[in-house]
Amino acid sequence: MPADIGESFTEQQLSHLRVALGARQWGKHQLDLRGTLRIFHWRYYYVVVAGRNLRDGARSQQQFSKLMLAVIISMLLVVSAGLGVLLLYLVKSAFGIDLFDGFSLGIWSWFKALFA
């Protein structure tokens, strides 16, 4: 800021500016990544901040947050269960156990071909 403009502020204006700028708590996040990327002759900046939410959200925001948490946990459970079933199927196939005679999903032969 030019010196002549900075000197034109009154004490009351400066105190309000200090309050406005001091209210930010950017430095108190658990994850705080900031930087710039230069792509050809353009420069882009990025900011990634994350941490505990200490704000009081509206009721609709809290409900949406709970819904999204339930969706994410459900997706993780489905993916984990799918990987568990796949692992059990591969172990079963490695031991040569056939649950249905003459029927195979082809996963074991595909898996063996990957490492052959």
PDB file of N, CA and C in Angstrom:
ATOM      1  N   MET A   1       0.847  -1.159   0.000  1.00  0.00           N
ATOM      2  CA  MET A   1       0.000   0.000   0.000  1.00  0.00           C
ATOM      3  C   MET A   1       0.901   1.233   0.000  1.00  0.00           C
ATOM      4  N   PRO A   2       0.581   2.189  -0.809  1.00  0.00           N
ATOM      5  CA  PRO A   2       1.369   3.427  -0.806  1.00  0.00           C
ATOM      6  C   PRO A   2       1.303   4.108   0.555  1.00  0.00           C
ATOM      7  N   ALA A   3       2.392   4.761   0.951  1.00  0.00           N
ATOM      8  CA  ALA A   3       2.495   5.371   2.275  1.00  0.00           C
ATOM      9  C   ALA A   3       1.439   6.447   2.498  1.00  0.00           C
ATOM     10  N   ASP A   4       1.147   7.270   1.466  1.00  0.00           N
ATOM     11  CA  ASP A   4       0.182   8.352   1.658  1.00  0.00           C
ATOM     12  C   ASP A   4      -1.221   7.816   1.932  1.00  0.00           C
ATOM     13  N   ILE A   5      -1.567   6.679   1.339  1.00  0.00           N
ATOM     14  CA  ILE A   5      -2.889   6.084   1.592  1.00  0.00           C
ATOM     15  C   ILE A   5      -2.907   5.448   2.974  1.00  0.00           C
ATOM     16  N   GLY A   6      -1.822   4.753   3.339  1.00  0.00           N
ATOM     17  CA  GLY A   6      -1.746   4.142   4.653  1.00  0.00           C
ATOM     18  C   GLY A   6      -1.838   5.161   5.777  1.00  0.00           C
ATOM     19  N   GLU A   7      -1.282   6.344   5.579  1.00  0.00           N
ATOM     20  CA  GLU A   7      -1.319   7.381   6.600  1.00  0.00           C
ATOM     21  C   GLU A   7      -2.671   8.077   6.673  1.00  0.00           C
ATOM     22  N   SER A   8      -3.517   7.889   5.658  1.00  0.00           N
ATOM     23  CA  SER A   8      -4.810   8.566   5.648  1.00  0.00           C
ATOM     24  C   SER A   8      -5.858   7.855   6.502  1.00  0.00           C
ATOM     25  N   PHE A   9      -5.575   6.630   6.977  1.00  0.00           N
ATOM     26  CA  PHE A   9      -6.541   5.915   7.815  1.00  0.00           C
ATOM     27  C   PHE A   9      -6.606   6.546   9.202  1.00  0.00           C
ATOM     28  N   THR A  10      -7.822   6.599   9.746  1.00  0.00           N
ATOM     29  CA  THR A  10      -7.986   7.055  11.125  1.00  0.00           C
ATOM     30  C   THR A  10      -7.751   5.864  12.059  1.00  0.00           C
ATOM     31  N   GLU A  11      -7.604   6.159  13.347  1.00  0.00           N
ATOM     32  CA  GLU A  11      -7.399   5.079  14.320  1.00  0.00           C
ATOM     33  C   GLU A  11      -8.610   4.147  14.363  1.00  0.00           C
ATOM     34  N   GLN A  12      -9.797   4.710  14.210  1.00  0.00           N
ATOM     35  CA  GLN A  12     -11.008   3.896  14.222  1.00  0.00           C
ATOM     36  C   GLN A  12     -11.021   2.958  13.014  1.00  0.00           C
ATOM     37  N   GLN A  13     -10.652   3.467  11.841  1.00  0.00           N
ATOM     38  CA  GLN A  13     -10.595   2.614  10.652  1.00  0.00           C
ATOM     39  C   GLN A  13      -9.534   1.528  10.815  1.00  0.00           C
ATOM     40  N   LEU A  14      -8.392   1.888  11.368  1.00  0.00           N
ATOM     41  CA  LEU A  14      -7.331   0.902  11.572  1.00  0.00           C
ATOM     42  C   LEU A  14      -7.746  -0.178  12.562  1.00  0.00           C
ATOM     43  N   SER A  15      -8.455   0.202  13.623  1.00  0.00           N
ATOM     44  CA  SER A  15      -8.890  -0.805  14.596  1.00  0.00           C
ATOM     45  C   SER A  15      -9.900  -1.761  13.966  1.00  0.00           C
ATOM     46  N   HIS A  16     -10.790  -1.247  13.116  1.00  0.00           N
ATOM     47  CA  HIS A  16     -11.745  -2.123  12.429  1.00  0.00           C
ATOM     48  C   HIS A  16     -11.034  -3.041  11.438  1.00  0.00           C
ATOM     49  N   LEU A  17     -10.017  -2.528  10.763  1.00  0.00           N
ATOM     50  CA  LEU A  17      -9.244  -3.371   9.857  1.00  0.00           C
ATOM     51  C   LEU A  17      -8.520  -4.474  10.617  1.00  0.00           C
ATOM     52  N   ARG A  18      -7.956  -4.135  11.772  1.00  0.00           N
ATOM     53  CA  ARG A  18      -7.266  -5.139  12.577  1.00  0.00           C
ATOM     54  C   ARG A  18      -8.227  -6.231  13.032  1.00  0.00           C
ATOM     55  N   VAL A  19      -9.424  -5.838  13.440  1.00  0.00           N
ATOM     56  CA  VAL A  19     -10.427  -6.823  13.866  1.00  0.00           C
ATOM     57  C   VAL A  19     -10.825  -7.709  12.689  1.00  0.00           C
ATOM     58  N   ALA A  20     -11.061  -7.108  11.528  1.00  0.00           N
ATOM     59  CA  ALA A  20     -11.491  -7.872  10.358  1.00  0.00           C
ATOM     60  C   ALA A  20     -10.408  -8.848   9.902  1.00  0.00           C
ATOM     61  N   LEU A  21      -9.184  -8.390   9.877  1.00  0.00           N
ATOM     62  CA  LEU A  21      -8.099  -9.254   9.429  1.00  0.00           C
ATOM     63  C   LEU A  21      -7.661 -10.231  10.506  1.00  0.00           C
ATOM     64  N   GLY A  22      -7.808  -9.854  11.758  1.00  0.00           N
ATOM     65  CA  GLY A  22      -7.411 -10.740  12.848  1.00  0.00           C
ATOM     66  C   GLY A  22      -8.417 -11.835  13.114  1.00  0.00           C
ATOM     67  N   ALA A  23      -9.644 -11.697  12.587  1.00  0.00           N
ATOM     68  CA  ALA A  23     -10.676 -12.703  12.825  1.00  0.00           C
ATOM     69  C   ALA A  23     -10.413 -13.978  12.042  1.00  0.00           C
ATOM     70  N   ARG A  24      -9.593 -13.907  11.030  1.00  0.00           N
ATOM     71  CA  ARG A  24      -9.291 -15.103  10.243  1.00  0.00           C
ATOM     72  C   ARG A  24      -8.404 -16.038  11.047  1.00  0.00           C
ATOM     73  N   GLN A  25      -8.656 -17.312  10.904  1.00  0.00           N
ATOM     74  CA  GLN A  25      -7.866 -18.309  11.619  1.00  0.00           C
ATOM     75  C   GLN A  25      -7.266 -19.289  10.627  1.00  0.00           C
ATOM     76  N   TRP A  26      -6.715 -18.776   9.537  1.00  0.00           N
ATOM     77  CA  TRP A  26      -6.181 -19.647   8.495  1.00  0.00           C
ATOM     78  C   TRP A  26      -5.007 -20.481   8.990  1.00  0.00           C
ATOM     79  N   GLY A  27      -4.221 -19.956   9.894  1.00  0.00           N
ATOM     80  CA  GLY A  27      -3.033 -20.664  10.327  1.00  0.00           C
ATOM     81  C   GLY A  27      -3.307 -21.772  11.320  1.00  0.00           C
ATOM     82  N   LYS A  28      -4.552 -21.967  11.732  1.00  0.00           N
ATOM     83  CA  LYS A  28      -4.873 -22.947  12.758  1.00  0.00           C
ATOM     84  C   LYS A  28      -5.454 -24.233  12.198  1.00  0.00           C
ATOM     85  N   HIS A  29      -5.285 -24.487  10.924  1.00  0.00           N
ATOM     86  CA  HIS A  29      -5.797 -25.719  10.335  1.00  0.00           C
ATOM     87  C   HIS A  29      -4.753 -26.827  10.472  1.00  0.00           C
ATOM     88  N   GLN A  30      -5.254 -28.059  10.608  1.00  0.00           N
ATOM     89  CA  GLN A  30      -4.349 -29.195  10.711  1.00  0.00           C
ATOM     90  C   GLN A  30      -3.637 -29.445   9.386  1.00  0.00           C
ATOM     91  N   LEU A  31      -4.321 -29.205   8.291  1.00  0.00           N
ATOM     92  CA  LEU A  31      -3.735 -29.339   6.959  1.00  0.00           C
ATOM     93  C   LEU A  31      -3.840 -27.984   6.277  1.00  0.00           C
ATOM     94  N   ASP A  32      -2.708 -27.426   5.897  1.00  0.00           N
ATOM     95  CA  ASP A  32      -2.687 -26.103   5.276  1.00  0.00           C
ATOM     96  C   ASP A  32      -1.632 -26.115   4.172  1.00  0.00           C
ATOM     97  N   LEU A  33      -2.088 -26.334   2.941  1.00  0.00           N
ATOM     98  CA  LEU A  33      -1.186 -26.371   1.793  1.00  0.00           C
ATOM     99  C   LEU A  33      -1.499 -25.187   0.889  1.00  0.00           C
ATOM    100  N   ARG A  34      -0.481 -24.425   0.577  1.00  0.00           N
ATOM    101  CA  ARG A  34      -0.654 -23.270  -0.305  1.00  0.00           C
ATOM    102  C   ARG A  34       0.531 -23.232  -1.257  1.00  0.00           C
ATOM    103  N   GLY A  35       0.297 -22.799  -2.454  1.00  0.00           N
ATOM    104  CA  GLY A  35       1.388 -22.686  -3.405  1.00  0.00           C
ATOM    105  C   GLY A  35       0.919 -22.130  -4.731  1.00  0.00           C
ATOM    106  N   THR A  36       1.855 -22.028  -5.640  1.00  0.00           N
ATOM    107  CA  THR A  36       1.538 -21.544  -6.981  1.00  0.00           C
ATOM    108  C   THR A  36       2.101 -22.515  -8.006  1.00  0.00           C
ATOM    109  N   LEU A  37       1.436 -22.583  -9.124  1.00  0.00           N
ATOM    110  CA  LEU A  37       1.867 -23.398 -10.250  1.00  0.00           C
ATOM    111  C   LEU A  37       2.065 -22.478 -11.442  1.00  0.00           C
ATOM    112  N   ARG A  38       3.165 -22.652 -12.136  1.00  0.00           N
ATOM    113  CA  ARG A  38       3.406 -21.867 -13.345  1.00  0.00           C
ATOM    114  C   ARG A  38       3.214 -22.796 -14.536  1.00  0.00           C
ATOM    115  N   ILE A  39       2.216 -22.488 -15.348  1.00  0.00           N
ATOM    116  CA  ILE A  39       1.916 -23.260 -16.550  1.00  0.00           C
ATOM    117  C   ILE A  39       2.032 -22.302 -17.729  1.00  0.00           C
ATOM    118  N   PHE A  40       3.043 -22.522 -18.547  1.00  0.00           N
ATOM    119  CA  PHE A  40       3.393 -21.628 -19.641  1.00  0.00           C
ATOM    120  C   PHE A  40       3.614 -20.219 -19.084  1.00  0.00           C
ATOM    121  N   HIS A  41       2.856 -19.248 -19.523  1.00  0.00           N
ATOM    122  CA  HIS A  41       3.070 -17.893 -19.020  1.00  0.00           C
ATOM    123  C   HIS A  41       2.006 -17.472 -17.996  1.00  0.00           C
ATOM    124  N   TRP A  42       1.183 -18.433 -17.540  1.00  0.00           N
ATOM    125  CA  TRP A  42       0.178 -18.147 -16.523  1.00  0.00           C
ATOM    126  C   TRP A  42       0.623 -18.720 -15.187  1.00  0.00           C
ATOM    127  N   ARG A  43       0.204 -18.066 -14.136  1.00  0.00           N
ATOM    128  CA  ARG A  43       0.463 -18.564 -12.791  1.00  0.00           C
ATOM    129  C   ARG A  43      -0.868 -18.808 -12.109  1.00  0.00           C
ATOM    130  N   TYR A  44      -1.005 -19.977 -11.511  1.00  0.00           N
ATOM    131  CA  TYR A  44      -2.209 -20.346 -10.772  1.00  0.00           C
ATOM    132  C   TYR A  44      -1.826 -20.600  -9.324  1.00  0.00           C
ATOM    133  N   TYR A  45      -2.714 -20.254  -8.422  1.00  0.00           N
ATOM    134  CA  TYR A  45      -2.458 -20.551  -7.017  1.00  0.00           C
ATOM    135  C   TYR A  45      -3.441 -21.615  -6.556  1.00  0.00           C
ATOM    136  N   TYR A  46      -3.038 -22.364  -5.533  1.00  0.00           N
ATOM    137  CA  TYR A  46      -3.924 -23.345  -4.935  1.00  0.00           C
ATOM    138  C   TYR A  46      -3.849 -23.212  -3.418  1.00  0.00           C
ATOM    139  N   VAL A  47      -4.966 -23.514  -2.783  1.00  0.00           N
ATOM    140  CA  VAL A  47      -5.066 -23.501  -1.331  1.00  0.00           C
ATOM    141  C   VAL A  47      -5.885 -24.713  -0.922  1.00  0.00           C
ATOM    142  N   VAL A  48      -5.326 -25.523  -0.054  1.00  0.00           N
ATOM    143  CA  VAL A  48      -6.046 -26.673   0.502  1.00  0.00           C
ATOM    144  C   VAL A  48      -5.935 -26.564   2.009  1.00  0.00           C
ATOM    145  N   VAL A  49      -7.060 -26.383   2.668  1.00  0.00           N
ATOM    146  CA  VAL A  49      -7.081 -26.333   4.126  1.00  0.00           C
ATOM    147  C   VAL A  49      -8.100 -27.343   4.632  1.00  0.00           C
ATOM    148  N   ALA A  50      -7.767 -27.988   5.727  1.00  0.00           N
ATOM    149  CA  ALA A  50      -8.683 -28.950   6.333  1.00  0.00           C
ATOM    150  C   ALA A  50      -8.406 -29.018   7.822  1.00  0.00           C
ATOM    151  N   GLY A  51      -9.421 -29.331   8.560  1.00  0.00           N
ATOM    152  CA  GLY A  51      -9.296 -29.461  10.001  1.00  0.00           C
ATOM    153  C   GLY A  51     -10.670 -29.651  10.605  1.00  0.00           C
ATOM    154  N   ARG A  52     -10.719 -29.671  11.921  1.00  0.00           N
ATOM    155  CA  ARG A  52     -11.995 -29.825  12.603  1.00  0.00           C
ATOM    156  C   ARG A  52     -12.878 -28.621  12.346  1.00  0.00           C
ATOM    157  N   ASN A  53     -14.136 -28.885  12.103  1.00  0.00           N
ATOM    158  CA  ASN A  53     -15.093 -27.814  11.866  1.00  0.00           C
ATOM    159  C   ASN A  53     -15.582 -27.295  13.210  1.00  0.00           C
ATOM    160  N   LEU A  54     -15.212 -26.069  13.537  1.00  0.00           N
ATOM    161  CA  LEU A  54     -15.615 -25.456  14.794  1.00  0.00           C
ATOM    162  C   LEU A  54     -16.748 -24.463  14.614  1.00  0.00           C
ATOM    163  N   ARG A  55     -17.245 -24.354  13.399  1.00  0.00           N
ATOM    164  CA  ARG A  55     -18.327 -23.405  13.119  1.00  0.00           C
ATOM    165  C   ARG A  55     -19.663 -24.017  13.523  1.00  0.00           C
ATOM    166  N   ASP A  56     -20.598 -23.158  13.853  1.00  0.00           N
ATOM    167  CA  ASP A  56     -21.963 -23.599  14.098  1.00  0.00           C
ATOM    168  C   ASP A  56     -22.702 -23.557  12.773  1.00  0.00           C
ATOM    169  N   GLY A  57     -23.012 -24.732  12.220  1.00  0.00           N
ATOM    170  CA  GLY A  57     -23.703 -24.786  10.944  1.00  0.00           C
ATOM    171  C   GLY A  57     -25.203 -24.728  11.133  1.00  0.00           C
ATOM    172  N   ALA A  58     -25.881 -24.397  10.075  1.00  0.00           N
ATOM    173  CA  ALA A  58     -27.335 -24.404  10.101  1.00  0.00           C
ATOM    174  C   ALA A  58     -27.818 -25.848  10.195  1.00  0.00           C
ATOM    175  N   ARG A  59     -29.066 -26.027  10.588  1.00  0.00           N
ATOM    176  CA  ARG A  59     -29.621 -27.371  10.761  1.00  0.00           C
ATOM    177  C   ARG A  59     -29.559 -28.164   9.453  1.00  0.00           C
ATOM    178  N   SER A  60     -29.840 -27.503   8.322  1.00  0.00           N
ATOM    179  CA  SER A  60     -29.809 -28.201   7.032  1.00  0.00           C
ATOM    180  C   SER A  60     -28.387 -28.635   6.689  1.00  0.00           C
ATOM    181  N   GLN A  61     -27.389 -27.808   7.038  1.00  0.00           N
ATOM    182  CA  GLN A  61     -25.999 -28.183   6.790  1.00  0.00           C
ATOM    183  C   GLN A  61     -25.596 -29.376   7.641  1.00  0.00           C
ATOM    184  N   GLN A  62     -26.037 -29.414   8.882  1.00  0.00           N
ATOM    185  CA  GLN A  62     -25.716 -30.529   9.755  1.00  0.00           C
ATOM    186  C   GLN A  62     -26.364 -31.816   9.253  1.00  0.00           C
ATOM    187  N   GLN A  63     -27.603 -31.729   8.797  1.00  0.00           N
ATOM    188  CA  GLN A  63     -28.283 -32.908   8.269  1.00  0.00           C
ATOM    189  C   GLN A  63     -27.594 -33.399   6.997  1.00  0.00           C
ATOM    190  N   PHE A  64     -27.210 -32.475   6.125  1.00  0.00           N
ATOM    191  CA  PHE A  64     -26.518 -32.860   4.895  1.00  0.00           C
ATOM    192  C   PHE A  64     -25.171 -33.487   5.225  1.00  0.00           C
ATOM    193  N   SER A  65     -24.488 -32.947   6.219  1.00  0.00           N
ATOM    194  CA  SER A  65     -23.198 -33.491   6.626  1.00  0.00           C
ATOM    195  C   SER A  65     -23.356 -34.918   7.141  1.00  0.00           C
ATOM    196  N   LYS A  66     -24.375 -35.164   7.934  1.00  0.00           N
ATOM    197  CA  LYS A  66     -24.622 -36.517   8.446  1.00  0.00           C
ATOM    198  C   LYS A  66     -24.989 -37.472   7.318  1.00  0.00           C
ATOM    199  N   LEU A  67     -25.774 -36.996   6.362  1.00  0.00           N
ATOM    200  CA  LEU A  67     -26.143 -37.820   5.217  1.00  0.00           C
ATOM    201  C   LEU A  67     -24.913 -38.197   4.400  1.00  0.00           C
ATOM    202  N   MET A  68     -24.049 -37.221   4.126  1.00  0.00           N
ATOM    203  CA  MET A  68     -22.836 -37.500   3.353  1.00  0.00           C
ATOM    204  C   MET A  68     -21.907 -38.450   4.099  1.00  0.00           C
ATOM    205  N   LEU A  69     -21.812 -38.309   5.416  1.00  0.00           N
ATOM    206  CA  LEU A  69     -21.000 -39.225   6.212  1.00  0.00           C
ATOM    207  C   LEU A  69     -21.549 -40.639   6.111  1.00  0.00           C
ATOM    208  N   ALA A  70     -22.871 -40.780   6.168  1.00  0.00           N
ATOM    209  CA  ALA A  70     -23.489 -42.102   6.039  1.00  0.00           C
ATOM    210  C   ALA A  70     -23.233 -42.692   4.656  1.00  0.00           C
ATOM    211  N   VAL A  71     -23.311 -41.862   3.610  1.00  0.00           N
ATOM    212  CA  VAL A  71     -23.063 -42.342   2.249  1.00  0.00           C
ATOM    213  C   VAL A  71     -21.603 -42.787   2.100  1.00  0.00           C
ATOM    214  N   ILE A  72     -20.675 -42.005   2.613  1.00  0.00           N
ATOM    215  CA  ILE A  72     -19.253 -42.352   2.497  1.00  0.00           C
ATOM    216  C   ILE A  72     -18.947 -43.630   3.263  1.00  0.00           C
ATOM    217  N   ILE A  73     -19.475 -43.761   4.480  1.00  0.00           N
ATOM    218  CA  ILE A  73     -19.240 -44.982   5.258  1.00  0.00           C
ATOM    219  C   ILE A  73     -19.858 -46.180   4.555  1.00  0.00           C
ATOM    220  N   SER A  74     -21.055 -46.021   3.990  1.00  0.00           N
ATOM    221  CA  SER A  74     -21.696 -47.120   3.256  1.00  0.00           C
ATOM    222  C   SER A  74     -20.861 -47.534   2.052  1.00  0.00           C
ATOM    223  N   MET A  75     -20.332 -46.556   1.313  1.00  0.00           N
ATOM    224  CA  MET A  75     -19.503 -46.884   0.152  1.00  0.00           C
ATOM    225  C   MET A  75     -18.234 -47.615   0.583  1.00  0.00           C
ATOM    226  N   LEU A  76     -17.607 -47.169   1.665  1.00  0.00           N
ATOM    227  CA  LEU A  76     -16.414 -47.849   2.162  1.00  0.00           C
ATOM    228  C   LEU A  76     -16.724 -49.278   2.586  1.00  0.00           C
ATOM    229  N   LEU A  77     -17.874 -49.487   3.225  1.00  0.00           N
ATOM    230  CA  LEU A  77     -18.263 -50.835   3.632  1.00  0.00           C
ATOM    231  C   LEU A  77     -18.522 -51.732   2.427  1.00  0.00           C
ATOM    232  N   VAL A  78     -19.174 -51.206   1.402  1.00  0.00           N
ATOM    233  CA  VAL A  78     -19.451 -51.999   0.199  1.00  0.00           C
ATOM    234  C   VAL A  78     -18.146 -52.369  -0.505  1.00  0.00           C
ATOM    235  N   VAL A  79     -17.235 -51.395  -0.648  1.00  0.00           N
ATOM    236  CA  VAL A  79     -15.951 -51.674  -1.295  1.00  0.00           C
ATOM    237  C   VAL A  79     -15.147 -52.681  -0.477  1.00  0.00           C
ATOM    238  N   SER A  80     -15.131 -52.508   0.845  1.00  0.00           N
ATOM    239  CA  SER A  80     -14.397 -53.439   1.707  1.00  0.00           C
ATOM    240  C   SER A  80     -14.985 -54.845   1.630  1.00  0.00           C
ATOM    241  N   ALA A  81     -16.308 -54.945   1.638  1.00  0.00           N
ATOM    242  CA  ALA A  81     -16.945 -56.255   1.533  1.00  0.00           C
ATOM    243  C   ALA A  81     -16.636 -56.896   0.180  1.00  0.00           C
ATOM    244  N   GLY A  82     -16.662 -56.103  -0.886  1.00  0.00           N
ATOM    245  CA  GLY A  82     -16.342 -56.639  -2.210  1.00  0.00           C
ATOM    246  C   GLY A  82     -14.912 -57.144  -2.294  1.00  0.00           C
ATOM    247  N   LEU A  83     -13.973 -56.375  -1.743  1.00  0.00           N
ATOM    248  CA  LEU A  83     -12.578 -56.824  -1.736  1.00  0.00           C
ATOM    249  C   LEU A  83     -12.396 -58.063  -0.864  1.00  0.00           C
ATOM    250  N   GLY A  84     -13.136 -58.125   0.248  1.00  0.00           N
ATOM    251  CA  GLY A  84     -13.073 -59.312   1.106  1.00  0.00           C
ATOM    252  C   GLY A  84     -13.584 -60.556   0.400  1.00  0.00           C
ATOM    253  N   VAL A  85     -14.701 -60.420  -0.307  1.00  0.00           N
ATOM    254  CA  VAL A  85     -15.251 -61.567  -1.053  1.00  0.00           C
ATOM    255  C   VAL A  85     -14.287 -61.979  -2.166  1.00  0.00           C
ATOM    256  N   LEU A  86     -13.699 -61.016  -2.845  1.00  0.00           N
ATOM    257  CA  LEU A  86     -12.727 -61.333  -3.897  1.00  0.00           C
ATOM    258  C   LEU A  86     -11.526 -62.070  -3.326  1.00  0.00           C
ATOM    259  N   LEU A  87     -11.033 -61.614  -2.190  1.00  0.00           N
ATOM    260  CA  LEU A  87      -9.901 -62.276  -1.547  1.00  0.00           C
ATOM    261  C   LEU A  87     -10.256 -63.698  -1.135  1.00  0.00           C
ATOM    262  N   LEU A  88     -11.435 -63.878  -0.554  1.00  0.00           N
ATOM    263  CA  LEU A  88     -11.868 -65.226  -0.182  1.00  0.00           C
ATOM    264  C   LEU A  88     -12.004 -66.123  -1.412  1.00  0.00           C
ATOM    265  N   TYR A  89     -12.508 -65.578  -2.515  1.00  0.00           N
ATOM    266  CA  TYR A  89     -12.650 -66.358  -3.742  1.00  0.00           C
ATOM    267  C   TYR A  89     -11.283 -66.778  -4.276  1.00  0.00           C
ATOM    268  N   LEU A  90     -10.312 -65.863  -4.228  1.00  0.00           N
ATOM    269  CA  LEU A  90      -8.973 -66.198  -4.703  1.00  0.00           C
ATOM    270  C   LEU A  90      -8.315 -67.248  -3.814  1.00  0.00           C
ATOM    271  N   VAL A  91      -8.509 -67.148  -2.508  1.00  0.00           N
ATOM    272  CA  VAL A  91      -7.951 -68.154  -1.587  1.00  0.00           C
ATOM    273  C   VAL A  91      -8.609 -69.506  -1.838  1.00  0.00           C
ATOM    274  N   LYS A  92      -9.929 -69.513  -2.014  1.00  0.00           N
ATOM    275  CA  LYS A  92     -10.663 -70.748  -2.302  1.00  0.00           C
ATOM    276  C   LYS A  92     -10.147 -71.378  -3.592  1.00  0.00           C
ATOM    277  N   SER A  93      -9.945 -70.573  -4.602  1.00  0.00           N
ATOM    278  CA  SER A  93      -9.469 -71.088  -5.886  1.00  0.00           C
ATOM    279  C   SER A  93      -8.031 -71.579  -5.786  1.00  0.00           C
ATOM    280  N   ALA A  94      -7.210 -70.918  -4.973  1.00  0.00           N
ATOM    281  CA  ALA A  94      -5.821 -71.341  -4.804  1.00  0.00           C
ATOM    282  C   ALA A  94      -5.753 -72.725  -4.162  1.00  0.00           C
ATOM    283  N   PHE A  95      -6.677 -73.049  -3.270  1.00  0.00           N
ATOM    284  CA  PHE A  95      -6.715 -74.361  -2.643  1.00  0.00           C
ATOM    285  C   PHE A  95      -7.431 -75.395  -3.498  1.00  0.00           C
ATOM    286  N   GLY A  96      -7.981 -74.984  -4.635  1.00  0.00           N
ATOM    287  CA  GLY A  96      -8.629 -75.916  -5.552  1.00  0.00           C
ATOM    288  C   GLY A  96     -10.018 -76.335  -5.125  1.00  0.00           C
ATOM    289  N   ILE A  97     -10.687 -75.537  -4.348  1.00  0.00           N
ATOM    290  CA  ILE A  97     -12.033 -75.864  -3.875  1.00  0.00           C
ATOM    291  C   ILE A  97     -13.041 -75.349  -4.893  1.00  0.00           C
ATOM    292  N   ASP A  98     -13.914 -76.225  -5.381  1.00  0.00           N
ATOM    293  CA  ASP A  98     -14.977 -75.842  -6.310  1.00  0.00           C
ATOM    294  C   ASP A  98     -16.314 -75.904  -5.590  1.00  0.00           C
ATOM    295  N   LEU A  99     -17.018 -74.803  -5.550  1.00  0.00           N
ATOM    296  CA  LEU A  99     -18.334 -74.784  -4.931  1.00  0.00           C
ATOM    297  C   LEU A  99     -19.385 -75.369  -5.859  1.00  0.00           C
ATOM    298  N   PHE A 100     -19.237 -75.113  -7.160  1.00  0.00           N
ATOM    299  CA  PHE A 100     -20.156 -75.639  -8.164  1.00  0.00           C
ATOM    300  C   PHE A 100     -19.325 -76.359  -9.218  1.00  0.00           C
ATOM    301  N   ASP A 101     -19.636 -77.609  -9.482  1.00  0.00           N
ATOM    302  CA  ASP A 101     -18.884 -78.384 -10.469  1.00  0.00           C
ATOM    303  C   ASP A 101     -19.065 -77.810 -11.863  1.00  0.00           C
ATOM    304  N   GLY A 102     -17.948 -77.615 -12.569  1.00  0.00           N
ATOM    305  CA  GLY A 102     -17.979 -77.155 -13.945  1.00  0.00           C
ATOM    306  C   GLY A 102     -18.299 -75.676 -14.109  1.00  0.00           C
ATOM    307  N   PHE A 103     -18.289 -74.900 -13.037  1.00  0.00           N
ATOM    308  CA  PHE A 103     -18.604 -73.476 -13.146  1.00  0.00           C
ATOM    309  C   PHE A 103     -17.469 -72.662 -12.523  1.00  0.00           C
ATOM    310  N   SER A 104     -17.036 -71.650 -13.260  1.00  0.00           N
ATOM    311  CA  SER A 104     -15.998 -70.764 -12.752  1.00  0.00           C
ATOM    312  C   SER A 104     -16.279 -69.344 -13.241  1.00  0.00           C
ATOM    313  N   LEU A 105     -15.963 -68.380 -12.418  1.00  0.00           N
ATOM    314  CA  LEU A 105     -16.127 -66.990 -12.814  1.00  0.00           C
ATOM    315  C   LEU A 105     -14.973 -66.515 -13.692  1.00  0.00           C
ATOM    316  N   GLY A 106     -13.876 -67.251 -13.708  1.00  0.00           N
ATOM    317  CA  GLY A 106     -12.731 -66.891 -14.518  1.00  0.00           C
ATOM    318  C   GLY A 106     -11.773 -65.930 -13.833  1.00  0.00           C
ATOM    319  N   ILE A 107     -12.061 -65.581 -12.608  1.00  0.00           N
ATOM    320  CA  ILE A 107     -11.203 -64.635 -11.895  1.00  0.00           C
ATOM    321  C   ILE A 107      -9.864 -65.274 -11.544  1.00  0.00           C
ATOM    322  N   TRP A 108      -9.895 -66.553 -11.142  1.00  0.00           N
ATOM    323  CA  TRP A 108      -8.652 -67.230 -10.762  1.00  0.00           C
ATOM    324  C   TRP A 108      -7.708 -67.361 -11.956  1.00  0.00           C
ATOM    325  N   SER A 109      -8.238 -67.727 -13.106  1.00  0.00           N
ATOM    326  CA  SER A 109      -7.378 -67.853 -14.293  1.00  0.00           C
ATOM    327  C   SER A 109      -6.848 -66.480 -14.714  1.00  0.00           C
ATOM    328  N   TRP A 110      -7.647 -65.446 -14.594  1.00  0.00           N
ATOM    329  CA  TRP A 110      -7.194 -64.089 -14.897  1.00  0.00           C
ATOM    330  C   TRP A 110      -6.096 -63.673 -13.913  1.00  0.00           C
ATOM    331  N   PHE A 111      -6.292 -63.982 -12.635  1.00  0.00           N
ATOM    332  CA  PHE A 111      -5.319 -63.616 -11.612  1.00  0.00           C
ATOM    333  C   PHE A 111      -3.995 -64.347 -11.829  1.00  0.00           C
ATOM    334  N   LYS A 112      -4.069 -65.643 -12.185  1.00  0.00           N
ATOM    335  CA  LYS A 112      -2.842 -66.411 -12.436  1.00  0.00           C
ATOM    336  C   LYS A 112      -2.117 -65.868 -13.666  1.00  0.00           C
ATOM    337  N   ALA A 113      -2.879 -65.428 -14.672  1.00  0.00           N
ATOM    338  CA  ALA A 113      -2.261 -64.897 -15.895  1.00  0.00           C
ATOM    339  C   ALA A 113      -1.525 -63.578 -15.622  1.00  0.00           C
ATOM    340  N   LEU A 114      -1.966 -62.836 -14.642  1.00  0.00           N
ATOM    341  CA  LEU A 114      -1.287 -61.599 -14.296  1.00  0.00           C
ATOM    342  C   LEU A 114       0.140 -61.840 -13.798  1.00  0.00           C
ATOM    343  N   PHE A 115       0.343 -62.935 -13.075  1.00  0.00           N
ATOM    344  CA  PHE A 115       1.632 -63.201 -12.453  1.00  0.00           C
ATOM    345  C   PHE A 115       2.395 -64.334 -13.140  1.00  0.00           C
ATOM    346  N   ALA A 116       1.950 -64.750 -14.288  1.00  0.00           N
ATOM    347  CA  ALA A 116       2.638 -65.834 -15.003  1.00  0.00           C
ATOM    348  C   ALA A 116       3.728 -65.290 -15.910  1.00  0.00           C
TER     349      ALA A 116
END
